[in-house]
PDB file of N, CA and C in Angstrom:
ATOM      1  N   MET A   1      99.027 168.244 126.589  1.00  0.00           N
ATOM      2  CA  MET A   1      98.755 167.051 126.682  1.00  0.00           C
ATOM      3  C   MET A   1      97.750 167.599 127.560  1.00  0.00           C
ATOM      4  N   ASP A   2      96.415 167.514 128.128  1.00  0.00           N
ATOM      5  CA  ASP A   2      95.067 167.618 129.290  1.00  0.00           C
ATOM      6  C   ASP A   2      96.056 166.806 130.431  1.00  0.00           C
ATOM      7  N   SER A   3      95.010 167.080 131.593  1.00  0.00           N
ATOM      8  CA  SER A   3      95.233 166.036 132.995  1.00  0.00           C
ATOM      9  C   SER A   3      95.149 165.397 132.750  1.00  0.00           C
ATOM     10  N   ALA A   4      94.083 164.760 132.229  1.00  0.00           N
ATOM     11  CA  ALA A   4      93.689 163.010 132.059  1.00  0.00           C
ATOM     12  C   ALA A   4      94.944 162.245 131.381  1.00  0.00           C
ATOM     13  N   ALA A   5      95.490 162.884 130.301  1.00  0.00           N
ATOM     14  CA  ALA A   5      96.502 162.730 129.581  1.00  0.00           C
ATOM     15  C   ALA A   5      97.773 162.046 130.235  1.00  0.00           C
ATOM     16  N   ARG A   6      97.903 163.363 131.066  1.00  0.00           N
ATOM     17  CA  ARG A   6      98.991 163.145 131.810  1.00  0.00           C
ATOM     18  C   ARG A   6      98.925 162.246 133.117  1.00  0.00           C
ATOM     19  N   ALA A   7      97.834 162.080 133.563  1.00  0.00           N
ATOM     20  CA  ALA A   7      97.425 161.102 134.695  1.00  0.00           C
ATOM     21  C   ALA A   7      97.665 159.701 134.319  1.00  0.00           C
ATOM     22  N   LEU A   8      97.365 159.533 133.258  1.00  0.00           N
ATOM     23  CA  LEU A   8      97.574 158.431 132.706  1.00  0.00           C
ATOM     24  C   LEU A   8      99.090 157.898 132.165  1.00  0.00           C
ATOM     25  N   VAL A   9      99.934 158.865 131.953  1.00  0.00           N
ATOM     26  CA  VAL A   9     100.943 158.834 131.296  1.00  0.00           C
ATOM     27  C   VAL A   9     101.792 158.705 132.719  1.00  0.00           C
ATOM     28  N   GLY A  10     101.200 159.409 133.951  1.00  0.00           N
ATOM     29  CA  GLY A  10     102.033 159.398 135.359  1.00  0.00           C
ATOM     30  C   GLY A  10     101.914 157.740 135.868  1.00  0.00           C
ATOM     31  N   THR A  11     100.761 157.267 135.419  1.00  0.00           N
ATOM     32  CA  THR A  11     100.504 156.299 135.624  1.00  0.00           C
ATOM     33  C   THR A  11     101.304 155.032 135.529  1.00  0.00           C
ATOM     34  N   VAL A  12     101.272 155.250 134.075  1.00  0.00           N
ATOM     35  CA  VAL A  12     102.277 154.005 132.874  1.00  0.00           C
ATOM     36  C   VAL A  12     104.008 153.878 133.382  1.00  0.00           C
ATOM     37  N   VAL A  13     104.183 155.381 133.968  1.00  0.00           N
ATOM     38  CA  VAL A  13     105.079 155.470 134.228  1.00  0.00           C
ATOM     39  C   VAL A  13     105.843 154.798 135.490  1.00  0.00           C
ATOM     40  N   GLY A  14     104.972 155.092 136.092  1.00  0.00           N
ATOM     41  CA  GLY A  14     105.306 154.593 137.627  1.00  0.00           C
ATOM     42  C   GLY A  14     105.263 153.616 137.846  1.00  0.00           C
ATOM     43  N   ALA A  15     104.111 152.762 137.042  1.00  0.00           N
ATOM     44  CA  ALA A  15     103.832 151.179 137.202  1.00  0.00           C
ATOM     45  C   ALA A  15     104.962 151.212 136.819  1.00  0.00           C
ATOM     46  N   GLY A  16     105.994 151.236 135.753  1.00  0.00           N
ATOM     47  CA  GLY A  16     106.678 150.803 134.881  1.00  0.00           C
ATOM     48  C   GLY A  16     108.143 150.477 135.659  1.00  0.00           C
ATOM     49  N   VAL A  17     108.204 152.005 136.588  1.00  0.00           N
ATOM     50  CA  VAL A  17     108.995 152.502 137.098  1.00  0.00           C
ATOM     51  C   VAL A  17     108.891 151.348 138.685  1.00  0.00           C
ATOM     52  N   ALA A  18     108.215 150.914 138.699  1.00  0.00           N
ATOM     53  CA  ALA A  18     108.363 150.292 140.239  1.00  0.00           C
ATOM     54  C   ALA A  18     108.139 148.671 140.158  1.00  0.00           C
ATOM     55  N   CYS A  19     107.617 147.809 138.410  1.00  0.00           N
ATOM     56  CA  CYS A  19     108.096 146.954 138.320  1.00  0.00           C
ATOM     57  C   CYS A  19     109.246 146.598 138.045  1.00  0.00           C
ATOM     58  N   VAL A  20     110.169 147.457 137.228  1.00  0.00           N
ATOM     59  CA  VAL A  20     111.598 146.844 136.668  1.00  0.00           C
ATOM     60  C   VAL A  20     112.755 148.077 137.430  1.00  0.00           C
ATOM     61  N   GLY A  21     112.293 149.085 137.620  1.00  0.00           N
ATOM     62  CA  GLY A  21     113.351 150.015 138.475  1.00  0.00           C
ATOM     63  C   GLY A  21     113.682 149.198 139.709  1.00  0.00           C
ATOM     64  N   ILE A  22     112.574 148.797 140.152  1.00  0.00           N
ATOM     65  CA  ILE A  22     112.982 148.143 141.624  1.00  0.00           C
ATOM     66  C   ILE A  22     114.247 146.995 141.580  1.00  0.00           C
ATOM     67  N   PRO A  23     113.614 145.941 141.107  1.00  0.00           N
ATOM     68  CA  PRO A  23     114.659 145.097 140.993  1.00  0.00           C
ATOM     69  C   PRO A  23     115.580 145.153 140.410  1.00  0.00           C
ATOM     70  N   ALA A  24     115.852 146.093 138.959  1.00  0.00           N
ATOM     71  CA  ALA A  24     117.091 146.383 138.933  1.00  0.00           C
ATOM     72  C   ALA A  24     118.291 147.376 139.970  1.00  0.00           C
ATOM     73  N   VAL A  25     117.531 147.946 140.590  1.00  0.00           N
ATOM     74  CA  VAL A  25     117.882 148.824 141.606  1.00  0.00           C
ATOM     75  C   VAL A  25     118.665 147.514 142.311  1.00  0.00           C
ATOM     76  N   VAL A  26     117.936 146.702 142.608  1.00  0.00           N
ATOM     77  CA  VAL A  26     117.947 145.967 144.090  1.00  0.00           C
ATOM     78  C   VAL A  26     119.285 144.859 143.425  1.00  0.00           C
ATOM     79  N   ALA A  27     119.329 144.382 142.043  1.00  0.00           N
ATOM     80  CA  ALA A  27     120.399 143.621 141.643  1.00  0.00           C
ATOM     81  C   ALA A  27     121.722 144.689 141.711  1.00  0.00           C
ATOM     82  N   ALA A  28     121.838 145.880 141.212  1.00  0.00           N
ATOM     83  CA  ALA A  28     122.816 146.464 140.995  1.00  0.00           C
ATOM     84  C   ALA A  28     123.921 146.768 142.506  1.00  0.00           C
ATOM     85  N   LEU A  29     122.397 146.755 143.567  1.00  0.00           N
ATOM     86  CA  LEU A  29     123.754 146.700 144.514  1.00  0.00           C
ATOM     87  C   LEU A  29     124.314 145.574 145.256  1.00  0.00           C
ATOM     88  N   GLY A  30     124.185 144.589 144.404  1.00  0.00           N
ATOM     89  CA  GLY A  30     124.713 142.704 144.480  1.00  0.00           C
ATOM     90  C   GLY A  30     123.783 141.680 145.345  1.00  0.00           C
ATOM     91  N   PHE A  31     122.695 142.355 145.273  1.00  0.00           N
ATOM     92  CA  PHE A  31     120.944 141.015 145.889  1.00  0.00           C
ATOM     93  C   PHE A  31     120.938 140.626 144.618  1.00  0.00           C
ATOM     94  N   THR A  32     121.530 139.225 143.846  1.00  0.00           N
ATOM     95  CA  THR A  32     120.976 139.015 142.818  1.00  0.00           C
ATOM     96  C   THR A  32     120.780 137.290 143.271  1.00  0.00           C
ATOM     97  N   ALA A  33     119.932 136.880 142.119  1.00  0.00           N
ATOM     98  CA  ALA A  33     119.378 135.439 141.648  1.00  0.00           C
ATOM     99  C   ALA A  33     120.362 134.647 142.545  1.00  0.00           C
ATOM    100  N   GLY A  34     121.689 134.301 142.502  1.00  0.00           N
ATOM    101  CA  GLY A  34     122.715 134.066 142.850  1.00  0.00           C
ATOM    102  C   GLY A  34     122.764 134.127 143.754  1.00  0.00           C
ATOM    103  N   GLY A  35     122.603 134.921 144.791  1.00  0.00           N
ATOM    104  CA  GLY A  35     123.031 135.439 146.520  1.00  0.00           C
ATOM    105  C   GLY A  35     123.766 136.381 146.151  1.00  0.00           C
ATOM    106  N   ILE A  36     124.645 136.872 146.912  1.00  0.00           N
ATOM    107  CA  ILE A  36     125.140 138.138 146.982  1.00  0.00           C
ATOM    108  C   ILE A  36     125.980 137.936 147.115  1.00  0.00           C
ATOM    109  N   ALA A  37     126.269 138.835 146.287  1.00  0.00           N
ATOM    110  CA  ALA A  37     127.855 139.175 144.975  1.00  0.00           C
ATOM    111  C   ALA A  37     129.000 139.674 146.017  1.00  0.00           C
ATOM    112  N   ALA A  38     130.084 139.029 146.118  1.00  0.00           N
ATOM    113  CA  ALA A  38     131.139 139.142 146.859  1.00  0.00           C
ATOM    114  C   ALA A  38     131.539 140.778 146.501  1.00  0.00           C
ATOM    115  N   GLY A  39     132.263 141.358 147.364  1.00  0.00           N
ATOM    116  CA  GLY A  39     132.480 142.936 147.395  1.00  0.00           C
ATOM    117  C   GLY A  39     131.560 143.935 146.846  1.00  0.00           C
ATOM    118  N   SER A  40     130.227 143.462 146.730  1.00  0.00           N
ATOM    119  CA  SER A  40     128.941 145.032 146.385  1.00  0.00           C
ATOM    120  C   SER A  40     128.460 145.408 147.764  1.00  0.00           C
ATOM    121  N   VAL A  41     127.942 146.314 147.944  1.00  0.00           N
ATOM    122  CA  VAL A  41     127.166 147.732 148.466  1.00  0.00           C
ATOM    123  C   VAL A  41     126.307 145.927 149.227  1.00  0.00           C
ATOM    124  N   ALA A  42     125.601 145.047 149.234  1.00  0.00           N
ATOM    125  CA  ALA A  42     124.825 143.677 149.419  1.00  0.00           C
ATOM    126  C   ALA A  42     125.697 143.301 150.842  1.00  0.00           C
ATOM    127  N   ALA A  43     126.857 142.926 150.043  1.00  0.00           N
ATOM    128  CA  ALA A  43     128.128 142.326 150.904  1.00  0.00           C
ATOM    129  C   ALA A  43     128.369 142.610 152.293  1.00  0.00           C
ATOM    130  N   LYS A  44     128.435 144.209 151.995  1.00  0.00           N
ATOM    131  CA  LYS A  44     128.601 145.359 153.168  1.00  0.00           C
ATOM    132  C   LYS A  44     127.233 145.021 153.993  1.00  0.00           C
ATOM    133  N   MET A  45     126.451 145.343 153.845  1.00  0.00           N
ATOM    134  CA  MET A  45     125.390 145.523 154.096  1.00  0.00           C
ATOM    135  C   MET A  45     125.283 144.221 154.954  1.00  0.00           C
ATOM    136  N   MET A  46     125.472 143.050 154.208  1.00  0.00           N
ATOM    137  CA  MET A  46     125.739 141.964 154.874  1.00  0.00           C
ATOM    138  C   MET A  46     126.229 141.842 156.081  1.00  0.00           C
ATOM    139  N   SER A  47     127.398 141.744 156.046  1.00  0.00           N
ATOM    140  CA  SER A  47     128.863 142.087 157.185  1.00  0.00           C
ATOM    141  C   SER A  47     128.276 142.738 158.098  1.00  0.00           C
ATOM    142  N   ALA A  48     127.524 143.496 157.929  1.00  0.00           N
ATOM    143  CA  ALA A  48     127.311 144.716 159.156  1.00  0.00           C
ATOM    144  C   ALA A  48     126.459 144.119 159.946  1.00  0.00           C
ATOM    145  N   SER A  49     124.956 143.588 159.289  1.00  0.00           N
ATOM    146  CA  SER A  49     123.450 142.837 159.747  1.00  0.00           C
ATOM    147  C   SER A  49     124.591 142.402 160.553  1.00  0.00           C
ATOM    148  N   ALA A  50     124.911 140.663 159.766  1.00  0.00           N
ATOM    149  CA  ALA A  50     125.559 140.079 160.912  1.00  0.00           C
ATOM    150  C   ALA A  50     126.660 140.089 161.722  1.00  0.00           C
ATOM    151  N   ILE A  51     127.552 141.498 162.125  1.00  0.00           N
ATOM    152  CA  ILE A  51     128.295 141.284 162.924  1.00  0.00           C
ATOM    153  C   ILE A  51     127.126 142.268 164.487  1.00  0.00           C
ATOM    154  N   ALA A  52     126.741 142.927 163.428  1.00  0.00           N
ATOM    155  CA  ALA A  52     125.502 143.567 164.861  1.00  0.00           C
ATOM    156  C   ALA A  52     124.561 142.400 165.103  1.00  0.00           C
ATOM    157  N   ASN A  53     123.866 141.493 164.402  1.00  0.00           N
ATOM    158  CA  ASN A  53     123.137 140.110 165.024  1.00  0.00           C
ATOM    159  C   ASN A  53     123.786 139.210 165.931  1.00  0.00           C
ATOM    160  N   GLY A  54     125.561 138.887 165.577  1.00  0.00           N
ATOM    161  CA  GLY A  54     125.849 138.382 166.635  1.00  0.00           C
ATOM    162  C   GLY A  54     126.564 137.457 165.780  1.00  0.00           C
ATOM    163  N   GLY A  55     126.590 137.017 164.176  1.00  0.00           N
ATOM    164  CA  GLY A  55     127.078 136.341 163.680  1.00  0.00           C
ATOM    165  C   GLY A  55     126.086 135.930 162.368  1.00  0.00           C
ATOM    166  N   GLY A  56     124.710 135.894 162.749  1.00  0.00           N
ATOM    167  CA  GLY A  56     123.576 135.790 161.599  1.00  0.00           C
ATOM    168  C   GLY A  56     122.967 137.291 161.371  1.00  0.00           C
ATOM    169  N   VAL A  57     122.283 136.840 159.898  1.00  0.00           N
ATOM    170  CA  VAL A  57     121.472 138.147 159.361  1.00  0.00           C
ATOM    171  C   VAL A  57     120.510 138.203 159.643  1.00  0.00           C
ATOM    172  N   ALA A  58     118.977 138.566 160.525  1.00  0.00           N
ATOM    173  CA  ALA A  58     118.072 138.387 161.297  1.00  0.00           C
ATOM    174  C   ALA A  58     116.744 138.017 159.749  1.00  0.00           C
ATOM    175  N   ALA A  59     115.718 137.488 160.309  1.00  0.00           N
ATOM    176  CA  ALA A  59     114.662 137.058 159.436  1.00  0.00           C
ATOM    177  C   ALA A  59     114.328 138.542 159.311  1.00  0.00           C
ATOM    178  N   GLY A  60     113.779 139.016 158.318  1.00  0.00           N
ATOM    179  CA  GLY A  60     112.738 140.395 158.529  1.00  0.00           C
ATOM    180  C   GLY A  60     113.479 141.483 157.584  1.00  0.00           C
ATOM    181  N   SER A  61     114.913 141.378 158.383  1.00  0.00           N
ATOM    182  CA  SER A  61     115.860 142.374 158.475  1.00  0.00           C
ATOM    183  C   SER A  61     116.036 142.807 157.140  1.00  0.00           C
ATOM    184  N   ILE A  62     116.344 144.163 156.925  1.00  0.00           N
ATOM    185  CA  ILE A  62     116.508 145.142 155.275  1.00  0.00           C
ATOM    186  C   ILE A  62     117.167 143.653 154.691  1.00  0.00           C
ATOM    187  N   VAL A  63     118.690 143.340 154.892  1.00  0.00           N
ATOM    188  CA  VAL A  63     119.073 142.618 154.389  1.00  0.00           C
ATOM    189  C   VAL A  63     118.500 141.417 153.818  1.00  0.00           C
ATOM    190  N   ALA A  64     117.421 140.606 154.666  1.00  0.00           N
ATOM    191  CA  ALA A  64     116.867 139.659 154.131  1.00  0.00           C
ATOM    192  C   ALA A  64     115.876 139.917 153.312  1.00  0.00           C
ATOM    193  N   VAL A  65     115.426 140.687 153.211  1.00  0.00           N
ATOM    194  CA  VAL A  65     114.405 141.192 152.332  1.00  0.00           C
ATOM    195  C   VAL A  65     114.678 141.447 150.834  1.00  0.00           C
ATOM    196  N   LEU A  66     115.570 142.496 150.923  1.00  0.00           N
ATOM    197  CA  LEU A  66     116.344 142.967 149.746  1.00  0.00           C
ATOM    198  C   LEU A  66     116.529 141.396 148.896  1.00  0.00           C
ATOM    199  N   GLN A  67     117.373 140.477 149.499  1.00  0.00           N
ATOM    200  CA  GLN A  67     118.578 139.584 149.467  1.00  0.00           C
ATOM    201  C   GLN A  67     116.845 138.638 148.745  1.00  0.00           C
ATOM    202  N   SER A  68     115.856 138.919 149.357  1.00  0.00           N
ATOM    203  CA  SER A  68     114.696 137.756 148.893  1.00  0.00           C
ATOM    204  C   SER A  68     114.458 138.061 147.283  1.00  0.00           C
ATOM    205  N   LEU A  69     113.994 139.689 147.658  1.00  0.00           N
ATOM    206  CA  LEU A  69     113.707 140.459 146.054  1.00  0.00           C
ATOM    207  C   LEU A  69     115.076 140.238 145.089  1.00  0.00           C
ATOM    208  N   GLY A  70     115.753 139.990 145.471  1.00  0.00           N
ATOM    209  CA  GLY A  70     117.325 139.574 144.404  1.00  0.00           C
ATOM    210  C   GLY A  70     116.910 138.658 144.112  1.00  0.00           C
ATOM    211  N   ALA A  71     116.587 137.352 144.550  1.00  0.00           N
ATOM    212  CA  ALA A  71     116.683 136.238 144.195  1.00  0.00           C
ATOM    213  C   ALA A  71     115.169 135.818 144.044  1.00  0.00           C
ATOM    214  N   ALA A  72     114.215 135.936 144.012  1.00  0.00           N
ATOM    215  CA  ALA A  72     113.097 135.604 142.923  1.00  0.00           C
ATOM    216  C   ALA A  72     112.096 137.064 142.421  1.00  0.00           C
ATOM    217  N   GLY A  73     112.535 138.286 142.227  1.00  0.00           N
ATOM    218  CA  GLY A  73     111.909 139.600 142.146  1.00  0.00           C
ATOM    219  C   GLY A  73     110.978 139.699 142.742  1.00  0.00           C
ATOM    220  N   LEU A  74     110.304 140.308 142.170  1.00  0.00           N
ATOM    221  CA  LEU A  74     108.853 140.481 142.383  1.00  0.00           C
ATOM    222  C   LEU A  74     107.192 139.554 142.215  1.00  0.00           C
ATOM    223  N   SER A  75     106.354 139.605 142.885  1.00  0.00           N
ATOM    224  CA  SER A  75     105.796 138.088 142.882  1.00  0.00           C
ATOM    225  C   SER A  75     104.847 138.819 141.792  1.00  0.00           C
ATOM    226  N   ALA A  76     104.006 138.015 141.005  1.00  0.00           N
ATOM    227  CA  ALA A  76     102.892 138.641 140.118  1.00  0.00           C
ATOM    228  C   ALA A  76     101.691 139.220 141.302  1.00  0.00           C
ATOM    229  N   ALA A  77     101.666 138.589 142.297  1.00  0.00           N
ATOM    230  CA  ALA A  77     100.717 139.512 143.506  1.00  0.00           C
ATOM    231  C   ALA A  77     101.331 141.218 143.642  1.00  0.00           C
ATOM    232  N   THR A  78     102.350 141.100 143.764  1.00  0.00           N
ATOM    233  CA  THR A  78     102.393 142.226 144.068  1.00  0.00           C
ATOM    234  C   THR A  78     102.852 142.972 142.812  1.00  0.00           C
ATOM    235  N   LYS A  79     103.517 142.893 142.058  1.00  0.00           N
ATOM    236  CA  LYS A  79     102.787 143.565 140.865  1.00  0.00           C
ATOM    237  C   LYS A  79     101.657 144.097 140.467  1.00  0.00           C
ATOM    238  N   PHE A  80     100.313 143.121 140.583  1.00  0.00           N
ATOM    239  CA  PHE A  80      99.637 143.143 140.174  1.00  0.00           C
ATOM    240  C   PHE A  80      98.900 144.372 141.634  1.00  0.00           C
ATOM    241  N   ALA A  81      99.561 144.477 142.630  1.00  0.00           N
ATOM    242  CA  ALA A  81      98.748 145.172 143.332  1.00  0.00           C
ATOM    243  C   ALA A  81      99.420 146.775 142.969  1.00  0.00           C
ATOM    244  N   MET A  82     100.687 146.832 142.830  1.00  0.00           N
ATOM    245  CA  MET A  82     100.853 148.287 142.217  1.00  0.00           C
ATOM    246  C   MET A  82     100.588 148.791 141.024  1.00  0.00           C
ATOM    247  N   ALA A  83      99.906 147.592 139.885  1.00  0.00           N
ATOM    248  CA  ALA A  83      99.350 148.506 138.837  1.00  0.00           C
ATOM    249  C   ALA A  83      98.379 148.686 139.591  1.00  0.00           C
ATOM    250  N   ALA A  84      97.392 148.106 140.212  1.00  0.00           N
ATOM    251  CA  ALA A  84      95.900 148.688 140.760  1.00  0.00           C
ATOM    252  C   ALA A  84      95.774 149.555 141.505  1.00  0.00           C
ATOM    253  N   GLY A  85      96.774 149.643 142.437  1.00  0.00           N
ATOM    254  CA  GLY A  85      97.786 151.173 142.900  1.00  0.00           C
ATOM    255  C   GLY A  85      97.553 152.255 142.157  1.00  0.00           C
ATOM    256  N   ALA A  86      98.590 152.009 141.962  1.00  0.00           N
ATOM    257  CA  ALA A  86      98.476 153.095 140.081  1.00  0.00           C
ATOM    258  C   ALA A  86      97.050 153.551 139.332  1.00  0.00           C
ATOM    259  N   ALA A  87      96.881 152.691 138.921  1.00  0.00           N
ATOM    260  CA  ALA A  87      95.315 152.658 138.472  1.00  0.00           C
ATOM    261  C   ALA A  87      94.258 153.702 138.869  1.00  0.00           C
ATOM    262  N   ALA A  88      94.395 153.205 140.787  1.00  0.00           N
ATOM    263  CA  ALA A  88      93.536 153.984 141.693  1.00  0.00           C
ATOM    264  C   ALA A  88      94.204 155.036 141.536  1.00  0.00           C
ATOM    265  N   LEU A  89      95.345 155.439 141.485  1.00  0.00           N
ATOM    266  CA  LEU A  89      95.926 157.146 141.633  1.00  0.00           C
ATOM    267  C   LEU A  89      95.623 157.927 140.713  1.00  0.00           C
ATOM    268  N   GLY A  90      95.860 157.082 139.670  1.00  0.00           N
ATOM    269  CA  GLY A  90      95.741 157.567 138.351  1.00  0.00           C
ATOM    270  C   GLY A  90      94.327 158.284 137.895  1.00  0.00           C
ATOM    271  N   ALA A  91      93.412 157.307 138.747  1.00  0.00           N
ATOM    272  CA  ALA A  91      91.689 157.876 138.845  1.00  0.00           C
ATOM    273  C   ALA A  91      91.507 159.024 139.492  1.00  0.00           C
ATOM    274  N   ILE A  92      91.981 158.953 140.685  1.00  0.00           N
ATOM    275  CA  ILE A  92      91.490 159.915 141.349  1.00  0.00           C
ATOM    276  C   ILE A  92      92.286 161.468 141.358  1.00  0.00           C
ATOM    277  N   ILE A  93      93.217 161.097 140.657  1.00  0.00           N
ATOM    278  CA  ILE A  93      94.093 162.688 140.129  1.00  0.00           C
ATOM    279  C   ILE A  93      93.607 163.077 139.000  1.00  0.00           C
ATOM    280  N   ARG A  94      92.843 161.949 138.158  1.00  0.00           N
ATOM    281  CA  ARG A  94      91.761 162.415 136.901  1.00  0.00           C
ATOM    282  C   ARG A  94      90.604 163.160 137.039  1.00  0.00           C
TER     283      ARG A  94
END
């Protein structure tokens, strides 16, 4: 396989991992569309964050961002940006 083909395969695999793998890992941690799953890593993170912040989870914190991702998934704009970045990287490597 020549370098252009390897770059294309790497781009496709990287974009697939980003679009499918990241949401899957976030869900596996317990950040789901229905909220944070009881007894999960996400629940422990939320508890620690709430204790550290005096009873609430701070907006913009890692827990808040991961819960948003778990609830809504990646937006179309984010998927497009990742695909464009992967394509640009593939063009540079080629």
